[in-house]
C-alpha cells in the first residue's frame, strides 16, 4: 500500500479523534509524532512509546520534555493492504502505545488482545 506522509498523518489524527475520551483525557505532556521508519531502518515496529509510564513517575512535568508516541508510516503501509485495514491497524497501534503511557505492559496487552 502507498500513501503520502500528509494523508497518513491525517489518518492518525482521525483515529486519535475516534478514541474514547476517558482514554485520551489523561494524556499529559505527550505528543504524537509520525515518522517514516524506526531508527534502525526496519519495518518491524509499528509504533513506540518514548517516555515514562505513569506508574513509574515520582515527580513529573517540571521542565520535562514531553513523552512521545511515535507512529511509523512505512511500517504500517507495509503490513496493510487496504484503507480499512490501515485504519484498524492505526487504531490498535494508538491504543497499544497509549496503554504503555498508563503503565500497561506487553504481556497484559496480549491478554487483552491489543498486541
Protein backbone atom coordinates (compact mmCIF):
# COMPACT_ATOMS: atom_id res chain seq x y z
CA UNK A 1 0.00 0.00 0.00
CA UNK A 2 1.21 3.52 -0.75
CA UNK A 3 0.25 6.81 0.86
CA UNK A 4 1.96 10.18 1.18
CA UNK A 5 3.02 11.47 4.59
CA UNK A 6 0.37 14.20 4.78
CA UNK A 7 -2.53 11.82 4.11
CA UNK A 8 -1.14 9.29 6.59
CA UNK A 9 -0.78 11.95 9.30
CA UNK A 10 -4.40 12.98 8.76
CA UNK A 11 -5.47 9.34 9.22
CA UNK A 12 -3.57 9.22 12.52
CA UNK A 13 -5.34 12.40 13.65
CA UNK A 14 -8.70 10.98 12.58
CA UNK A 15 -8.09 7.78 14.55
CA UNK A 16 -6.99 9.76 17.62
CA UNK A 17 -10.24 11.72 17.42
CA UNK A 18 -12.21 8.44 17.45
CA UNK A 19 -10.62 7.15 20.66
CA UNK A 20 -12.77 7.30 23.82
CA UNK A 21 -12.43 10.48 25.88
CA UNK A 22 -11.54 8.54 29.03
CA UNK A 23 -8.53 7.10 27.19
CA UNK A 24 -7.10 10.39 25.94
CA UNK A 25 -8.21 12.85 28.63
CA UNK A 26 -5.49 11.61 31.00
CA UNK A 27 -2.68 12.07 28.49
CA UNK A 28 -0.47 14.76 29.96
CA UNK A 29 2.71 16.22 28.47
CA UNK A 30 2.69 13.86 25.49
CA UNK A 31 2.98 14.44 21.75
CA UNK A 32 2.10 12.21 18.84
CA UNK A 33 4.68 12.02 16.06
CA UNK A 34 4.63 10.31 12.67
CA UNK A 35 7.96 9.12 11.32
CA UNK A 36 8.68 7.07 8.21
CA UNK A 37 10.64 4.26 9.91
CA UNK A 38 12.28 3.36 13.20
CA UNK A 39 15.89 4.48 13.64
CA UNK A 40 17.21 1.01 12.73
CA UNK A 41 15.50 1.28 9.33
CA UNK A 42 13.41 -1.87 9.82
CA UNK A 43 9.71 -2.16 9.16
CA UNK A 44 9.10 -4.45 12.16
CA UNK A 45 7.90 -1.78 14.59
CA UNK A 46 4.54 -0.05 14.06
CA UNK A 47 4.73 2.34 17.00
CA UNK A 48 6.75 3.30 20.04
CA UNK A 49 6.05 4.95 23.37
CA UNK A 50 9.09 7.04 24.32
CA UNK A 51 8.75 8.26 27.90
CA UNK A 52 8.00 7.34 31.50
CA UNK A 53 4.79 5.46 32.22
CA UNK A 54 2.51 6.99 34.83
CA UNK A 55 3.22 4.03 37.09
CA UNK A 56 6.97 4.84 37.03
CA UNK A 57 6.81 8.58 37.73
CA UNK A 58 7.53 10.04 41.13
CA UNK A 59 7.52 13.68 40.06
CA UNK A 60 6.92 14.85 36.55
CA UNK A 61 6.19 17.91 34.49
CA UNK A 62 8.64 20.45 35.83
CA UNK A 63 10.97 21.21 32.94
CA UNK A 64 10.45 17.75 31.41
CA UNK A 65 10.32 17.29 27.67
CA UNK A 66 7.05 15.72 26.56
CA UNK A 67 6.77 11.97 26.18
CA UNK A 68 6.23 10.84 22.61
CA UNK A 69 4.10 8.29 20.87
CA UNK A 70 5.66 7.60 17.51
CA UNK A 71 3.68 6.02 14.67
CA UNK A 72 5.74 4.61 11.80
CA UNK A 73 4.18 5.27 8.40
CA UNK A 74 6.16 2.89 6.19
CA UNK A 75 5.79 0.04 8.68
CA UNK A 76 2.01 0.41 8.65
CA UNK A 77 1.85 0.67 4.88
CA UNK A 78 3.97 -2.48 4.54
CA UNK A 79 1.54 -4.62 6.56
CA UNK A 80 -1.78 -3.22 5.34
CA UNK A 81 -3.47 -3.93 2.02
CA UNK A 82 -6.49 -1.62 2.25
CA UNK A 83 -7.55 1.65 3.80
CA UNK A 84 -9.88 -0.15 6.22
CA UNK A 85 -7.07 -2.45 7.33
CA UNK A 86 -4.80 0.58 7.79
CA UNK A 87 -7.38 2.36 9.92
CA UNK A 88 -7.79 -0.75 12.09
CA UNK A 89 -4.03 -1.13 12.49
CA UNK A 90 -3.57 2.55 13.36
CA UNK A 91 -6.32 2.24 15.98
CA UNK A 92 -4.64 -0.80 17.51
CA UNK A 93 -1.21 0.86 17.47
CA UNK A 94 -2.50 4.02 19.14
CA UNK A 95 -4.34 2.07 21.85
CA UNK A 96 -1.25 -0.09 22.41
CA UNK A 97 1.14 2.86 22.80
CA UNK A 98 -1.29 4.87 24.94
CA UNK A 99 -1.59 1.80 27.18
CA UNK A 100 2.19 1.94 27.70
CA UNK A 101 1.78 5.55 28.86
CA UNK A 102 -0.64 4.27 31.51
CA UNK A 103 1.82 1.56 32.56
CA UNK A 104 0.22 -1.45 30.87
CA UNK A 105 2.96 -3.81 29.65
CA UNK A 106 3.06 -6.02 26.53
CA UNK A 107 2.10 -9.18 28.42
CA UNK A 108 -1.12 -7.58 29.66
CA UNK A 109 -1.81 -6.10 26.23
CA UNK A 110 -1.51 -9.59 24.73
CA UNK A 111 -4.02 -10.86 27.29
CA UNK A 112 -6.40 -8.04 26.33
CA UNK A 113 -5.91 -8.62 22.58
CA UNK A 114 -4.15 -5.31 21.88
CA UNK A 115 -0.72 -6.64 20.96
